Amino acid sequence: LQAIAEIQKTGGIAAFIDAEHALDPVYARALGVNINELWLSQPDSGEQALDIAEYLIRSGGVDLIVVDSVAALMPQAEIDGEMGDTQIGLQARLMSKALRKITAILSKSNACIMFINQIRMKIGLVFG
């Protein structure tokens, strides 16, 4: 969010793809983000999020795209599946394909894309 605020301060256009559906506008404003000038999308699937990112890059109208977060980019097949289904490698394949595609079009644009991810720790592990 701080990167978005900095881009906006220089007159740039920023987009926030909120895959987590967790953007807190009060917190964003406190960091200096102009919410009224922020392009916000809350996609339903990982494919939709990455298609939006690709569209924004190709449009040439955005300086910074932030995708929050990689961990929340759930493939449509996983969304459509049953709770107990194991979908091995779907997200990795989705990201791999999307990054190859996005890298190619980014090289021809002035846009920057930032992917946010999280590190998962073992629950219950205590350091002392």
N, C-alpha and C. Protein backbone atom coordinates (compact mmCIF):
# COMPACT_ATOMS: atom_id res chain seq x y z
N LEU A 1 0.82 -1.20 0.00
CA LEU A 1 0.00 0.00 0.00
C LEU A 1 0.86 1.26 0.00
N GLN A 2 2.03 1.18 0.64
CA GLN A 2 2.92 2.33 0.64
C GLN A 2 3.44 2.62 -0.77
N ALA A 3 3.70 1.57 -1.53
CA ALA A 3 4.14 1.75 -2.92
C ALA A 3 3.05 2.43 -3.74
N ILE A 4 1.81 2.05 -3.50
CA ILE A 4 0.68 2.68 -4.20
C ILE A 4 0.61 4.16 -3.85
N ALA A 5 0.75 4.48 -2.56
CA ALA A 5 0.72 5.88 -2.13
C ALA A 5 1.82 6.69 -2.81
N GLU A 6 3.01 6.11 -2.92
CA GLU A 6 4.13 6.81 -3.56
C GLU A 6 3.87 7.04 -5.04
N ILE A 7 3.34 6.04 -5.72
CA ILE A 7 3.00 6.19 -7.15
C ILE A 7 1.96 7.29 -7.32
N GLN A 8 0.96 7.29 -6.46
CA GLN A 8 -0.10 8.30 -6.55
C GLN A 8 0.45 9.70 -6.30
N LYS A 9 1.40 9.83 -5.38
CA LYS A 9 1.99 11.15 -5.08
C LYS A 9 2.67 11.75 -6.31
N THR A 10 3.20 10.90 -7.18
CA THR A 10 3.88 11.39 -8.38
C THR A 10 2.93 11.52 -9.57
N GLY A 11 1.63 11.34 -9.32
CA GLY A 11 0.64 11.48 -10.38
C GLY A 11 0.39 10.19 -11.15
N GLY A 12 0.96 9.09 -10.68
CA GLY A 12 0.79 7.81 -11.36
C GLY A 12 -0.54 7.15 -11.01
N ILE A 13 -0.88 6.16 -11.81
CA ILE A 13 -2.11 5.40 -11.63
C ILE A 13 -1.75 4.03 -11.08
N ALA A 14 -2.44 3.63 -10.01
CA ALA A 14 -2.18 2.33 -9.39
C ALA A 14 -3.45 1.49 -9.36
N ALA A 15 -3.25 0.18 -9.49
CA ALA A 15 -4.36 -0.77 -9.40
C ALA A 15 -4.05 -1.77 -8.30
N PHE A 16 -5.07 -2.17 -7.57
CA PHE A 16 -4.92 -3.14 -6.49
C PHE A 16 -5.87 -4.29 -6.77
N ILE A 17 -5.29 -5.46 -7.05
CA ILE A 17 -6.09 -6.67 -7.28
C ILE A 17 -6.14 -7.41 -5.96
N ASP A 18 -7.27 -7.31 -5.30
CA ASP A 18 -7.45 -7.80 -3.94
C ASP A 18 -8.04 -9.21 -3.95
N ALA A 19 -7.18 -10.19 -4.20
CA ALA A 19 -7.63 -11.58 -4.26
C ALA A 19 -8.09 -12.08 -2.89
N GLU A 20 -7.58 -11.45 -1.84
CA GLU A 20 -7.97 -11.84 -0.48
C GLU A 20 -9.29 -11.22 -0.06
N HIS A 21 -9.77 -10.23 -0.80
CA HIS A 21 -10.98 -9.48 -0.44
C HIS A 21 -10.84 -8.91 0.97
N ALA A 22 -9.69 -8.31 1.24
CA ALA A 22 -9.40 -7.88 2.60
C ALA A 22 -8.85 -6.45 2.69
N LEU A 23 -8.97 -5.67 1.63
CA LEU A 23 -8.45 -4.31 1.68
C LEU A 23 -9.20 -3.49 2.72
N ASP A 24 -8.45 -2.88 3.62
CA ASP A 24 -9.03 -2.02 4.65
C ASP A 24 -8.83 -0.57 4.20
N PRO A 25 -9.89 0.10 3.74
CA PRO A 25 -9.73 1.46 3.22
C PRO A 25 -9.24 2.46 4.27
N VAL A 26 -9.60 2.26 5.52
CA VAL A 26 -9.14 3.16 6.58
C VAL A 26 -7.62 3.05 6.73
N TYR A 27 -7.12 1.83 6.76
CA TYR A 27 -5.67 1.60 6.86
C TYR A 27 -4.95 2.13 5.62
N ALA A 28 -5.54 1.89 4.45
CA ALA A 28 -4.93 2.37 3.21
C ALA A 28 -4.82 3.89 3.21
N ARG A 29 -5.89 4.56 3.63
CA ARG A 29 -5.86 6.03 3.71
C ARG A 29 -4.79 6.50 4.70
N ALA A 30 -4.66 5.80 5.82
CA ALA A 30 -3.65 6.17 6.82
C ALA A 30 -2.24 6.08 6.25
N LEU A 31 -2.04 5.20 5.28
CA LEU A 31 -0.73 5.06 4.64
C LEU A 31 -0.54 6.04 3.48
N GLY A 32 -1.57 6.83 3.20
CA GLY A 32 -1.46 7.84 2.16
C GLY A 32 -2.08 7.47 0.83
N VAL A 33 -2.81 6.37 0.77
CA VAL A 33 -3.45 5.95 -0.48
C VAL A 33 -4.73 6.76 -0.70
N ASN A 34 -4.86 7.31 -1.90
CA ASN A 34 -6.09 7.99 -2.28
C ASN A 34 -7.03 6.92 -2.84
N ILE A 35 -7.94 6.45 -2.02
CA ILE A 35 -8.85 5.36 -2.38
C ILE A 35 -9.70 5.72 -3.60
N ASN A 36 -10.08 7.00 -3.72
CA ASN A 36 -10.90 7.43 -4.85
C ASN A 36 -10.17 7.32 -6.19
N GLU A 37 -8.84 7.37 -6.15
CA GLU A 37 -8.04 7.28 -7.37
C GLU A 37 -7.47 5.87 -7.60
N LEU A 38 -7.73 4.96 -6.69
CA LEU A 38 -7.20 3.60 -6.79
C LEU A 38 -8.12 2.72 -7.61
N TRP A 39 -7.56 2.03 -8.60
CA TRP A 39 -8.34 1.06 -9.36
C TRP A 39 -8.35 -0.22 -8.56
N LEU A 40 -9.51 -0.64 -8.11
CA LEU A 40 -9.64 -1.79 -7.23
C LEU A 40 -10.45 -2.90 -7.89
N SER A 41 -9.94 -4.11 -7.79
CA SER A 41 -10.66 -5.27 -8.29
C SER A 41 -10.60 -6.36 -7.24
N GLN A 42 -11.71 -7.05 -7.04
CA GLN A 42 -11.77 -8.18 -6.11
C GLN A 42 -12.26 -9.40 -6.90
N PRO A 43 -11.34 -10.06 -7.59
CA PRO A 43 -11.71 -11.17 -8.47
C PRO A 43 -12.19 -12.40 -7.72
N ASP A 44 -12.91 -13.25 -8.46
CA ASP A 44 -13.47 -14.47 -7.87
C ASP A 44 -12.53 -15.66 -7.98
N SER A 45 -11.54 -15.60 -8.86
CA SER A 45 -10.62 -16.73 -9.04
C SER A 45 -9.23 -16.23 -9.41
N GLY A 46 -8.27 -17.13 -9.32
CA GLY A 46 -6.90 -16.78 -9.71
C GLY A 46 -6.82 -16.41 -11.18
N GLU A 47 -7.51 -17.17 -12.03
CA GLU A 47 -7.50 -16.87 -13.47
C GLU A 47 -8.05 -15.47 -13.74
N GLN A 48 -9.14 -15.14 -13.06
CA GLN A 48 -9.73 -13.82 -13.25
C GLN A 48 -8.77 -12.71 -12.81
N ALA A 49 -8.10 -12.91 -11.68
CA ALA A 49 -7.14 -11.92 -11.18
C ALA A 49 -6.01 -11.71 -12.17
N LEU A 50 -5.47 -12.79 -12.70
CA LEU A 50 -4.34 -12.68 -13.61
C LEU A 50 -4.76 -12.15 -14.97
N ASP A 51 -5.99 -12.44 -15.39
CA ASP A 51 -6.52 -11.85 -16.63
C ASP A 51 -6.67 -10.34 -16.47
N ILE A 52 -7.12 -9.91 -15.31
CA ILE A 52 -7.26 -8.47 -15.03
C ILE A 52 -5.89 -7.81 -15.07
N ALA A 53 -4.90 -8.44 -14.44
CA ALA A 53 -3.54 -7.89 -14.45
C ALA A 53 -3.03 -7.76 -15.88
N GLU A 54 -3.24 -8.81 -16.67
CA GLU A 54 -2.80 -8.77 -18.08
C GLU A 54 -3.49 -7.64 -18.83
N TYR A 55 -4.79 -7.50 -18.65
CA TYR A 55 -5.55 -6.44 -19.31
C TYR A 55 -5.02 -5.06 -18.93
N LEU A 56 -4.76 -4.87 -17.63
CA LEU A 56 -4.27 -3.57 -17.16
C LEU A 56 -2.90 -3.24 -17.76
N ILE A 57 -2.03 -4.24 -17.85
CA ILE A 57 -0.71 -4.01 -18.44
C ILE A 57 -0.87 -3.63 -19.91
N ARG A 58 -1.66 -4.41 -20.63
CA ARG A 58 -1.86 -4.15 -22.07
C ARG A 58 -2.51 -2.79 -22.33
N SER A 59 -3.33 -2.32 -21.39
CA SER A 59 -4.03 -1.05 -21.59
C SER A 59 -3.08 0.14 -21.62
N GLY A 60 -1.94 0.01 -20.95
CA GLY A 60 -0.99 1.11 -20.89
C GLY A 60 -1.44 2.24 -19.98
N GLY A 61 -2.53 2.05 -19.27
CA GLY A 61 -3.06 3.12 -18.44
C GLY A 61 -2.71 3.04 -16.97
N VAL A 62 -1.87 2.07 -16.60
CA VAL A 62 -1.56 1.86 -15.19
C VAL A 62 -0.04 1.83 -15.01
N ASP A 63 0.43 2.47 -13.94
CA ASP A 63 1.86 2.48 -13.64
C ASP A 63 2.26 1.36 -12.70
N LEU A 64 1.38 1.02 -11.76
CA LEU A 64 1.68 -0.02 -10.77
C LEU A 64 0.45 -0.89 -10.56
N ILE A 65 0.68 -2.20 -10.57
CA ILE A 65 -0.38 -3.17 -10.26
C ILE A 65 0.10 -3.98 -9.07
N VAL A 66 -0.69 -4.03 -8.02
CA VAL A 66 -0.36 -4.84 -6.84
C VAL A 66 -1.38 -5.97 -6.76
N VAL A 67 -0.87 -7.21 -6.67
CA VAL A 67 -1.73 -8.39 -6.53
C VAL A 67 -1.55 -8.92 -5.11
N ASP A 68 -2.62 -8.89 -4.33
CA ASP A 68 -2.59 -9.32 -2.93
C ASP A 68 -3.57 -10.47 -2.74
N SER A 69 -3.19 -11.60 -2.58
CA SER A 69 -1.85 -12.15 -2.52
C SER A 69 -1.77 -13.40 -3.39
N VAL A 70 -0.57 -13.84 -3.65
CA VAL A 70 -0.36 -15.05 -4.44
C VAL A 70 -1.07 -16.23 -3.78
N ALA A 71 -1.00 -16.30 -2.46
CA ALA A 71 -1.63 -17.42 -1.73
C ALA A 71 -3.14 -17.46 -1.93
N ALA A 72 -3.75 -16.32 -2.23
CA ALA A 72 -5.21 -16.26 -2.40
C ALA A 72 -5.65 -16.46 -3.85
N LEU A 73 -4.71 -16.63 -4.76
CA LEU A 73 -5.06 -16.84 -6.17
C LEU A 73 -5.48 -18.29 -6.38
N MET A 74 -6.72 -18.57 -6.06
CA MET A 74 -7.24 -19.93 -6.13
C MET A 74 -7.73 -20.24 -7.54
N PRO A 75 -7.20 -21.30 -8.15
CA PRO A 75 -7.65 -21.69 -9.49
C PRO A 75 -9.14 -22.03 -9.51
N GLN A 76 -9.80 -21.74 -10.62
CA GLN A 76 -11.23 -22.00 -10.76
C GLN A 76 -11.56 -23.47 -10.53
N ALA A 77 -10.70 -24.37 -10.99
CA ALA A 77 -10.94 -25.82 -10.81
C ALA A 77 -10.98 -26.18 -9.33
N GLU A 78 -10.19 -25.49 -8.53
CA GLU A 78 -10.20 -25.73 -7.08
C GLU A 78 -11.48 -25.19 -6.46
N ILE A 79 -11.92 -24.05 -6.93
CA ILE A 79 -13.17 -23.45 -6.43
C ILE A 79 -14.35 -24.36 -6.77
N ASP A 80 -14.35 -24.90 -7.98
CA ASP A 80 -15.46 -25.75 -8.44
C ASP A 80 -15.44 -27.14 -7.83
N GLY A 81 -14.29 -27.59 -7.32
CA GLY A 81 -14.16 -28.94 -6.78
C GLY A 81 -14.81 -29.10 -5.42
N GLU A 82 -14.85 -30.32 -4.98
CA GLU A 82 -15.38 -30.64 -3.65
C GLU A 82 -14.35 -30.29 -2.58
N MET A 83 -14.80 -30.14 -1.34
CA MET A 83 -13.93 -29.76 -0.24
C MET A 83 -12.76 -30.71 -0.05
N GLY A 84 -12.98 -32.00 -0.17
CA GLY A 84 -11.93 -32.98 0.08
C GLY A 84 -11.04 -33.29 -1.11
N ASP A 85 -11.36 -32.71 -2.27
CA ASP A 85 -10.57 -32.99 -3.48
C ASP A 85 -9.14 -32.49 -3.34
N THR A 86 -8.21 -33.26 -3.85
CA THR A 86 -6.82 -32.81 -3.89
C THR A 86 -6.52 -32.36 -5.31
N GLN A 87 -6.12 -31.15 -5.43
CA GLN A 87 -5.79 -30.55 -6.73
C GLN A 87 -4.30 -30.21 -6.71
N ILE A 88 -3.47 -31.18 -6.93
CA ILE A 88 -2.03 -31.00 -6.80
C ILE A 88 -1.48 -30.13 -7.92
N GLY A 89 -0.77 -29.09 -7.55
CA GLY A 89 -0.04 -28.27 -8.50
C GLY A 89 -0.85 -27.30 -9.32
N LEU A 90 -2.15 -27.16 -9.07
CA LEU A 90 -2.96 -26.25 -9.88
C LEU A 90 -2.49 -24.81 -9.77
N GLN A 91 -2.25 -24.37 -8.55
CA GLN A 91 -1.84 -22.98 -8.38
C GLN A 91 -0.46 -22.74 -8.97
N ALA A 92 0.44 -23.69 -8.81
CA ALA A 92 1.79 -23.55 -9.38
C ALA A 92 1.72 -23.45 -10.90
N ARG A 93 0.88 -24.28 -11.52
CA ARG A 93 0.73 -24.23 -12.99
C ARG A 93 0.11 -22.90 -13.43
N LEU A 94 -0.89 -22.46 -12.67
CA LEU A 94 -1.54 -21.18 -12.98
C LEU A 94 -0.53 -20.04 -12.94
N MET A 95 0.26 -19.98 -11.88
CA MET A 95 1.24 -18.91 -11.72
C MET A 95 2.34 -18.99 -12.78
N SER A 96 2.80 -20.19 -13.06
CA SER A 96 3.86 -20.37 -14.04
C SER A 96 3.43 -19.87 -15.42
N LYS A 97 2.26 -20.26 -15.84
CA LYS A 97 1.74 -19.82 -17.14
C LYS A 97 1.53 -18.31 -17.16
N ALA A 98 0.92 -17.79 -16.11
CA ALA A 98 0.62 -16.36 -16.05
C ALA A 98 1.90 -15.53 -16.04
N LEU A 99 2.90 -15.96 -15.29
CA LEU A 99 4.14 -15.18 -15.22
C LEU A 99 4.87 -15.17 -16.56
N ARG A 100 4.85 -16.28 -17.28
CA ARG A 100 5.46 -16.29 -18.62
C ARG A 100 4.76 -15.28 -19.53
N LYS A 101 3.45 -15.27 -19.46
CA LYS A 101 2.65 -14.37 -20.29
C LYS A 101 2.85 -12.91 -19.89
N ILE A 102 2.77 -12.65 -18.59
CA ILE A 102 2.88 -11.29 -18.07
C ILE A 102 4.28 -10.73 -18.29
N THR A 103 5.31 -11.54 -18.10
CA THR A 103 6.68 -11.08 -18.30
C THR A 103 6.88 -10.56 -19.72
N ALA A 104 6.33 -11.28 -20.69
CA ALA A 104 6.47 -10.87 -22.09
C ALA A 104 5.82 -9.52 -22.36
N ILE A 105 4.62 -9.30 -21.84
CA ILE A 105 3.95 -8.03 -22.11
C ILE A 105 4.48 -6.89 -21.24
N LEU A 106 4.98 -7.21 -20.05
CA LEU A 106 5.57 -6.17 -19.19
C LEU A 106 6.79 -5.55 -19.83
N SER A 107 7.56 -6.36 -20.54
CA SER A 107 8.79 -5.86 -21.16
C SER A 107 8.50 -4.80 -22.22
N LYS A 108 7.27 -4.74 -22.69
CA LYS A 108 6.89 -3.76 -23.71
C LYS A 108 6.05 -2.63 -23.13
N SER A 109 5.98 -2.55 -21.81
CA SER A 109 5.15 -1.51 -21.19
C SER A 109 5.97 -0.76 -20.16
N ASN A 110 5.37 0.29 -19.63
CA ASN A 110 6.01 1.05 -18.56
C ASN A 110 5.44 0.68 -17.20
N ALA A 111 4.63 -0.35 -17.16
CA ALA A 111 3.98 -0.75 -15.91
C ALA A 111 4.92 -1.61 -15.06
N CYS A 112 4.58 -1.67 -13.80
CA CYS A 112 5.29 -2.52 -12.84
C CYS A 112 4.21 -3.34 -12.13
N ILE A 113 4.50 -4.62 -11.91
CA ILE A 113 3.55 -5.45 -11.16
C ILE A 113 4.24 -5.98 -9.92
N MET A 114 3.52 -5.96 -8.81
CA MET A 114 4.05 -6.42 -7.53
C MET A 114 3.12 -7.50 -6.99
N PHE A 115 3.69 -8.68 -6.78
CA PHE A 115 2.92 -9.78 -6.19
C PHE A 115 3.28 -9.89 -4.72
N ILE A 116 2.28 -9.90 -3.87
CA ILE A 116 2.49 -10.06 -2.43
C ILE A 116 2.22 -11.52 -2.09
N ASN A 117 3.06 -12.09 -1.26
CA ASN A 117 2.86 -13.47 -0.82
C ASN A 117 3.10 -13.54 0.68
N GLN A 118 2.82 -14.68 1.25
CA GLN A 118 2.98 -14.87 2.69
C GLN A 118 3.81 -16.12 2.93
N ILE A 119 4.52 -16.10 4.02
CA ILE A 119 5.26 -17.29 4.44
C ILE A 119 4.42 -17.99 5.49
N ARG A 120 4.21 -19.26 5.31
CA ARG A 120 3.43 -20.04 6.27
C ARG A 120 4.39 -20.72 7.24
N MET A 121 4.11 -20.61 8.49
CA MET A 121 4.93 -21.25 9.53
C MET A 121 4.19 -22.45 10.07
N LYS A 122 4.92 -23.34 10.69
CA LYS A 122 4.29 -24.49 11.33
C LYS A 122 3.51 -24.01 12.54
N ILE A 123 2.24 -24.33 12.58
CA ILE A 123 1.39 -23.90 13.69
C ILE A 123 1.81 -24.66 14.94
N GLY A 124 1.93 -23.93 16.03
CA GLY A 124 2.27 -24.55 17.30
C GLY A 124 3.76 -24.64 17.56
N LEU A 125 4.58 -24.28 16.59
CA LEU A 125 6.02 -24.32 16.77
C LEU A 125 6.44 -23.10 17.58
N VAL A 126 7.12 -23.32 18.68
CA VAL A 126 7.50 -22.23 19.56
C VAL A 126 9.02 -22.10 19.56
N PHE A 127 9.48 -20.88 19.36
CA PHE A 127 10.91 -20.60 19.43
C PHE A 127 11.20 -20.01 20.80
N GLY A 128 12.32 -20.36 21.38
CA GLY A 128 12.58 -19.85 22.70
C GLY A 128 13.96 -19.51 22.87
